[in-house]
Amino acid sequence: MAEKTIFKRIIDREIPAKIVYEDENCLAFEDIHPAAPTHLVVIPKREIASVDDVAAADAQVVGQLFVAMRAIAAKLGLSGGYRVVTNCGRDAGQEVMHLHFHLLAGRKFGWPPG
């Protein structure tokens, strides 16, 4: 049996997190090492390791994550814009093998990222 990721432990309420949004499919919480004034992590409750592991059966859940991010941005008044980032694999900077999106706002972002 694989060890639970930190995100699964947050979903299961085994460790605390500052949750800002939750529905039946997803959870959003404040990042513990923020890279912007607003930095949330948005995850599916279903365990999907990365973008490489998204299957056709996951389409509704992944779509719900984007609907949730739009709702969160509206609720927080992020009218100046925000960035949504995901990393796929260790070489891209993915540290937790549970699909997640970073929602960042509150400062100007450059391009290209990274």
N, C-alpha and C. Protein backbone atom coordinates (compact mmCIF):
# COMPACT_ATOMS: atom_id res chain seq x y z
N MET A 1 0.84 -1.18 0.00
CA MET A 1 0.00 0.00 0.00
C MET A 1 0.89 1.25 0.00
N ALA A 2 0.61 2.15 -0.94
CA ALA A 2 1.41 3.37 -1.06
C ALA A 2 1.11 4.31 0.10
N GLU A 3 2.13 5.04 0.49
CA GLU A 3 1.97 6.03 1.56
C GLU A 3 1.11 7.19 1.04
N LYS A 4 0.27 7.73 1.90
CA LYS A 4 -0.58 8.85 1.52
C LYS A 4 0.27 10.08 1.24
N THR A 5 -0.13 10.84 0.22
CA THR A 5 0.53 12.12 -0.02
C THR A 5 0.04 13.12 1.03
N ILE A 6 0.76 14.21 1.14
CA ILE A 6 0.33 15.26 2.06
C ILE A 6 -1.05 15.79 1.67
N PHE A 7 -1.34 15.83 0.37
CA PHE A 7 -2.66 16.32 -0.05
C PHE A 7 -3.77 15.36 0.34
N LYS A 8 -3.52 14.07 0.24
CA LYS A 8 -4.52 13.09 0.68
C LYS A 8 -4.72 13.21 2.18
N ARG A 9 -3.67 13.47 2.91
CA ARG A 9 -3.79 13.64 4.36
C ARG A 9 -4.59 14.89 4.70
N ILE A 10 -4.48 15.94 3.87
CA ILE A 10 -5.29 17.14 4.07
C ILE A 10 -6.75 16.83 3.76
N ILE A 11 -7.01 16.13 2.66
CA ILE A 11 -8.38 15.72 2.30
C ILE A 11 -9.00 14.93 3.44
N ASP A 12 -8.24 14.01 4.02
CA ASP A 12 -8.73 13.15 5.10
C ASP A 12 -8.73 13.84 6.47
N ARG A 13 -8.32 15.10 6.49
CA ARG A 13 -8.28 15.91 7.72
C ARG A 13 -7.32 15.35 8.78
N GLU A 14 -6.28 14.69 8.30
CA GLU A 14 -5.27 14.17 9.21
C GLU A 14 -4.24 15.24 9.58
N ILE A 15 -4.10 16.22 8.72
CA ILE A 15 -3.25 17.37 9.02
C ILE A 15 -4.03 18.63 8.67
N PRO A 16 -3.75 19.73 9.37
CA PRO A 16 -4.54 20.95 9.14
C PRO A 16 -4.11 21.69 7.88
N ALA A 17 -5.04 22.43 7.35
CA ALA A 17 -4.79 23.34 6.23
C ALA A 17 -5.80 24.47 6.33
N LYS A 18 -5.44 25.62 5.81
CA LYS A 18 -6.36 26.76 5.76
C LYS A 18 -7.20 26.62 4.49
N ILE A 19 -8.30 25.89 4.61
CA ILE A 19 -9.17 25.60 3.48
C ILE A 19 -10.02 26.82 3.15
N VAL A 20 -10.02 27.20 1.87
CA VAL A 20 -10.80 28.36 1.43
C VAL A 20 -11.98 27.95 0.55
N TYR A 21 -11.99 26.71 0.07
CA TYR A 21 -13.08 26.25 -0.78
C TYR A 21 -13.11 24.72 -0.73
N GLU A 22 -14.34 24.19 -0.73
CA GLU A 22 -14.49 22.74 -0.81
C GLU A 22 -15.84 22.42 -1.42
N ASP A 23 -15.85 21.43 -2.30
CA ASP A 23 -17.09 20.85 -2.79
C ASP A 23 -16.89 19.35 -2.87
N GLU A 24 -17.81 18.64 -3.50
CA GLU A 24 -17.72 17.18 -3.51
C GLU A 24 -16.52 16.65 -4.29
N ASN A 25 -15.97 17.46 -5.19
CA ASN A 25 -14.88 16.98 -6.04
C ASN A 25 -13.52 17.60 -5.76
N CYS A 26 -13.51 18.76 -5.13
CA CYS A 26 -12.21 19.42 -4.98
C CYS A 26 -12.08 20.18 -3.67
N LEU A 27 -10.85 20.57 -3.42
CA LEU A 27 -10.49 21.27 -2.20
C LEU A 27 -9.46 22.33 -2.58
N ALA A 28 -9.56 23.52 -1.99
CA ALA A 28 -8.57 24.58 -2.20
C ALA A 28 -8.12 25.09 -0.85
N PHE A 29 -6.82 25.28 -0.71
CA PHE A 29 -6.27 25.72 0.56
C PHE A 29 -5.06 26.61 0.31
N GLU A 30 -4.70 27.39 1.33
CA GLU A 30 -3.55 28.28 1.22
C GLU A 30 -2.26 27.48 1.17
N ASP A 31 -1.35 27.88 0.28
CA ASP A 31 -0.04 27.26 0.17
C ASP A 31 0.79 27.65 1.39
N ILE A 32 1.50 26.71 1.97
CA ILE A 32 2.29 27.02 3.17
C ILE A 32 3.58 27.78 2.85
N HIS A 33 3.97 27.81 1.57
CA HIS A 33 5.14 28.58 1.13
C HIS A 33 4.70 29.47 -0.03
N PRO A 34 3.93 30.52 0.25
CA PRO A 34 3.36 31.32 -0.83
C PRO A 34 4.40 32.02 -1.70
N ALA A 35 4.14 32.00 -3.01
CA ALA A 35 4.99 32.68 -3.98
C ALA A 35 4.34 33.98 -4.47
N ALA A 36 3.21 34.33 -3.89
CA ALA A 36 2.48 35.55 -4.23
C ALA A 36 1.58 35.88 -3.05
N PRO A 37 1.09 37.13 -2.96
CA PRO A 37 0.19 37.47 -1.86
C PRO A 37 -1.02 36.54 -1.74
N THR A 38 -1.58 36.14 -2.86
CA THR A 38 -2.59 35.09 -2.87
C THR A 38 -1.97 33.88 -3.53
N HIS A 39 -1.89 32.77 -2.82
CA HIS A 39 -1.33 31.53 -3.38
C HIS A 39 -2.11 30.36 -2.79
N LEU A 40 -2.99 29.82 -3.61
CA LEU A 40 -3.81 28.69 -3.20
C LEU A 40 -3.41 27.46 -3.97
N VAL A 41 -3.64 26.31 -3.38
CA VAL A 41 -3.46 25.02 -4.04
C VAL A 41 -4.85 24.43 -4.21
N VAL A 42 -5.16 24.05 -5.44
CA VAL A 42 -6.48 23.50 -5.75
C VAL A 42 -6.28 22.06 -6.22
N ILE A 43 -6.95 21.12 -5.53
CA ILE A 43 -6.72 19.70 -5.80
C ILE A 43 -8.05 18.96 -5.99
N PRO A 44 -8.01 17.89 -6.78
CA PRO A 44 -9.17 17.01 -6.82
C PRO A 44 -9.14 16.11 -5.59
N LYS A 45 -10.31 15.76 -5.09
CA LYS A 45 -10.35 14.80 -3.99
C LYS A 45 -10.00 13.40 -4.49
N ARG A 46 -10.28 13.15 -5.75
CA ARG A 46 -9.89 11.87 -6.37
C ARG A 46 -8.38 11.89 -6.54
N GLU A 47 -7.73 10.80 -6.19
CA GLU A 47 -6.28 10.74 -6.32
C GLU A 47 -5.88 10.49 -7.77
N ILE A 48 -5.29 11.52 -8.36
CA ILE A 48 -4.73 11.47 -9.71
C ILE A 48 -3.31 11.99 -9.54
N ALA A 49 -2.32 11.22 -9.94
CA ALA A 49 -0.94 11.58 -9.64
C ALA A 49 -0.46 12.85 -10.35
N SER A 50 -0.77 12.99 -11.64
CA SER A 50 -0.28 14.15 -12.40
C SER A 50 -1.10 14.31 -13.66
N VAL A 51 -0.78 15.32 -14.44
CA VAL A 51 -1.46 15.52 -15.73
C VAL A 51 -1.31 14.26 -16.58
N ASP A 52 -0.15 13.61 -16.51
CA ASP A 52 0.07 12.39 -17.28
C ASP A 52 -0.88 11.26 -16.91
N ASP A 53 -1.50 11.36 -15.76
CA ASP A 53 -2.38 10.30 -15.29
C ASP A 53 -3.86 10.64 -15.43
N VAL A 54 -4.18 11.79 -15.99
CA VAL A 54 -5.58 12.16 -16.20
C VAL A 54 -6.15 11.28 -17.30
N ALA A 55 -7.27 10.61 -16.99
CA ALA A 55 -7.95 9.73 -17.94
C ALA A 55 -9.26 10.37 -18.39
N ALA A 56 -9.84 9.84 -19.43
CA ALA A 56 -11.12 10.35 -19.92
C ALA A 56 -12.17 10.37 -18.81
N ALA A 57 -12.12 9.39 -17.93
CA ALA A 57 -13.08 9.31 -16.82
C ALA A 57 -12.89 10.45 -15.82
N ASP A 58 -11.76 11.15 -15.88
CA ASP A 58 -11.47 12.26 -14.96
C ASP A 58 -11.90 13.62 -15.52
N ALA A 59 -12.42 13.65 -16.73
CA ALA A 59 -12.72 14.93 -17.39
C ALA A 59 -13.66 15.80 -16.57
N GLN A 60 -14.69 15.24 -16.00
CA GLN A 60 -15.64 16.04 -15.23
C GLN A 60 -14.97 16.63 -13.98
N VAL A 61 -14.18 15.83 -13.31
CA VAL A 61 -13.51 16.30 -12.09
C VAL A 61 -12.51 17.41 -12.42
N VAL A 62 -11.72 17.22 -13.48
CA VAL A 62 -10.74 18.23 -13.87
C VAL A 62 -11.45 19.51 -14.30
N GLY A 63 -12.54 19.38 -15.03
CA GLY A 63 -13.34 20.55 -15.40
C GLY A 63 -13.87 21.28 -14.18
N GLN A 64 -14.31 20.52 -13.18
CA GLN A 64 -14.82 21.11 -11.94
C GLN A 64 -13.74 21.91 -11.23
N LEU A 65 -12.49 21.48 -11.32
CA LEU A 65 -11.40 22.25 -10.71
C LEU A 65 -11.31 23.64 -11.31
N PHE A 66 -11.47 23.74 -12.63
CA PHE A 66 -11.40 25.04 -13.28
C PHE A 66 -12.61 25.90 -12.96
N VAL A 67 -13.77 25.30 -12.86
CA VAL A 67 -14.97 26.04 -12.45
C VAL A 67 -14.77 26.57 -11.02
N ALA A 68 -14.21 25.73 -10.16
CA ALA A 68 -13.95 26.14 -8.78
C ALA A 68 -12.94 27.28 -8.73
N MET A 69 -11.88 27.20 -9.54
CA MET A 69 -10.87 28.28 -9.52
C MET A 69 -11.47 29.60 -9.97
N ARG A 70 -12.35 29.56 -10.97
CA ARG A 70 -13.02 30.79 -11.41
C ARG A 70 -13.88 31.35 -10.28
N ALA A 71 -14.61 30.48 -9.58
CA ALA A 71 -15.47 30.92 -8.48
C ALA A 71 -14.64 31.48 -7.32
N ILE A 72 -13.53 30.85 -7.02
CA ILE A 72 -12.65 31.33 -5.95
C ILE A 72 -12.08 32.70 -6.31
N ALA A 73 -11.63 32.86 -7.54
CA ALA A 73 -11.07 34.14 -7.99
C ALA A 73 -12.12 35.24 -7.89
N ALA A 74 -13.35 34.92 -8.29
CA ALA A 74 -14.43 35.92 -8.20
C ALA A 74 -14.72 36.27 -6.75
N LYS A 75 -14.78 35.25 -5.88
CA LYS A 75 -15.06 35.47 -4.46
C LYS A 75 -13.97 36.34 -3.81
N LEU A 76 -12.73 36.14 -4.22
CA LEU A 76 -11.62 36.89 -3.64
C LEU A 76 -11.40 38.23 -4.33
N GLY A 77 -12.18 38.51 -5.37
CA GLY A 77 -12.05 39.78 -6.07
C GLY A 77 -10.75 39.93 -6.83
N LEU A 78 -10.29 38.88 -7.46
CA LEU A 78 -9.02 38.92 -8.18
C LEU A 78 -9.21 39.50 -9.58
N SER A 79 -9.78 40.69 -9.62
CA SER A 79 -10.13 41.31 -10.89
C SER A 79 -8.91 41.79 -11.69
N GLY A 80 -7.78 41.93 -11.05
CA GLY A 80 -6.57 42.36 -11.73
C GLY A 80 -5.88 41.24 -12.48
N GLY A 81 -6.38 40.04 -12.32
CA GLY A 81 -5.80 38.88 -12.97
C GLY A 81 -5.18 37.92 -11.99
N TYR A 82 -5.01 36.72 -12.45
CA TYR A 82 -4.38 35.68 -11.65
C TYR A 82 -3.76 34.66 -12.58
N ARG A 83 -2.88 33.85 -12.02
CA ARG A 83 -2.21 32.81 -12.80
C ARG A 83 -2.56 31.46 -12.22
N VAL A 84 -2.78 30.49 -13.11
CA VAL A 84 -3.01 29.10 -12.72
C VAL A 84 -1.86 28.29 -13.30
N VAL A 85 -1.19 27.53 -12.42
CA VAL A 85 0.01 26.78 -12.82
C VAL A 85 -0.12 25.35 -12.35
N THR A 86 0.32 24.43 -13.18
CA THR A 86 0.50 23.05 -12.74
C THR A 86 1.82 22.53 -13.29
N ASN A 87 2.44 21.68 -12.54
CA ASN A 87 3.69 21.05 -12.95
C ASN A 87 3.42 19.56 -13.15
N CYS A 88 4.07 18.98 -14.15
CA CYS A 88 3.87 17.56 -14.42
C CYS A 88 5.22 16.86 -14.38
N GLY A 89 5.46 16.14 -13.31
CA GLY A 89 6.71 15.39 -13.17
C GLY A 89 7.77 16.16 -12.39
N ARG A 90 8.70 15.41 -11.87
CA ARG A 90 9.75 15.99 -11.01
C ARG A 90 10.59 17.03 -11.75
N ASP A 91 10.94 16.78 -13.02
CA ASP A 91 11.78 17.73 -13.76
C ASP A 91 11.07 19.06 -13.97
N ALA A 92 9.75 19.08 -13.92
CA ALA A 92 8.99 20.32 -14.08
C ALA A 92 8.72 20.98 -12.73
N GLY A 93 9.13 20.34 -11.64
CA GLY A 93 8.97 20.93 -10.32
C GLY A 93 7.81 20.36 -9.51
N GLN A 94 7.17 19.28 -9.99
CA GLN A 94 6.09 18.68 -9.21
C GLN A 94 6.69 17.97 -8.00
N GLU A 95 6.32 18.43 -6.82
CA GLU A 95 6.85 17.86 -5.59
C GLU A 95 5.90 16.87 -4.95
N VAL A 96 4.60 17.08 -5.12
CA VAL A 96 3.60 16.18 -4.55
C VAL A 96 2.92 15.45 -5.70
N MET A 97 2.97 14.14 -5.68
CA MET A 97 2.40 13.35 -6.77
C MET A 97 0.89 13.17 -6.57
N HIS A 98 0.21 14.29 -6.61
CA HIS A 98 -1.26 14.37 -6.57
C HIS A 98 -1.55 15.61 -7.42
N LEU A 99 -2.30 15.43 -8.50
CA LEU A 99 -2.60 16.55 -9.39
C LEU A 99 -3.02 17.77 -8.59
N HIS A 100 -2.42 18.90 -8.90
CA HIS A 100 -2.79 20.14 -8.20
C HIS A 100 -2.47 21.34 -9.07
N PHE A 101 -3.21 22.39 -8.81
CA PHE A 101 -3.04 23.65 -9.51
C PHE A 101 -2.74 24.73 -8.48
N HIS A 102 -1.81 25.60 -8.83
CA HIS A 102 -1.50 26.75 -7.99
C HIS A 102 -2.27 27.94 -8.57
N LEU A 103 -3.05 28.60 -7.75
CA LEU A 103 -3.74 29.81 -8.14
C LEU A 103 -3.02 30.96 -7.44
N LEU A 104 -2.37 31.82 -8.24
CA LEU A 104 -1.54 32.89 -7.71
C LEU A 104 -2.07 34.24 -8.17
N ALA A 105 -2.04 35.21 -7.26
CA ALA A 105 -2.49 36.57 -7.58
C ALA A 105 -1.90 37.56 -6.59
N GLY A 106 -2.13 38.83 -6.88
CA GLY A 106 -1.72 39.87 -5.95
C GLY A 106 -0.40 40.53 -6.29
N ARG A 107 0.21 40.14 -7.40
CA ARG A 107 1.43 40.80 -7.88
C ARG A 107 1.49 40.61 -9.38
N LYS A 108 2.35 41.36 -10.02
CA LYS A 108 2.53 41.25 -11.47
C LYS A 108 3.45 40.05 -11.75
N PHE A 109 3.08 39.26 -12.73
CA PHE A 109 3.86 38.09 -13.11
C PHE A 109 4.57 38.35 -14.44
N GLY A 110 5.76 37.81 -14.56
CA GLY A 110 6.52 37.95 -15.81
C GLY A 110 6.27 36.78 -16.74
N TRP A 111 6.76 36.92 -17.95
CA TRP A 111 6.71 35.84 -18.93
C TRP A 111 8.01 35.81 -19.67
N PRO A 112 8.60 34.70 -19.93
CA PRO A 112 8.09 33.37 -19.60
C PRO A 112 8.34 33.04 -18.14
N PRO A 113 7.49 32.16 -17.57
CA PRO A 113 7.69 31.76 -16.18
C PRO A 113 8.88 30.83 -16.05
N GLY A 114 9.39 30.71 -14.83
CA GLY A 114 10.43 29.74 -14.52
C GLY A 114 11.72 30.00 -15.19
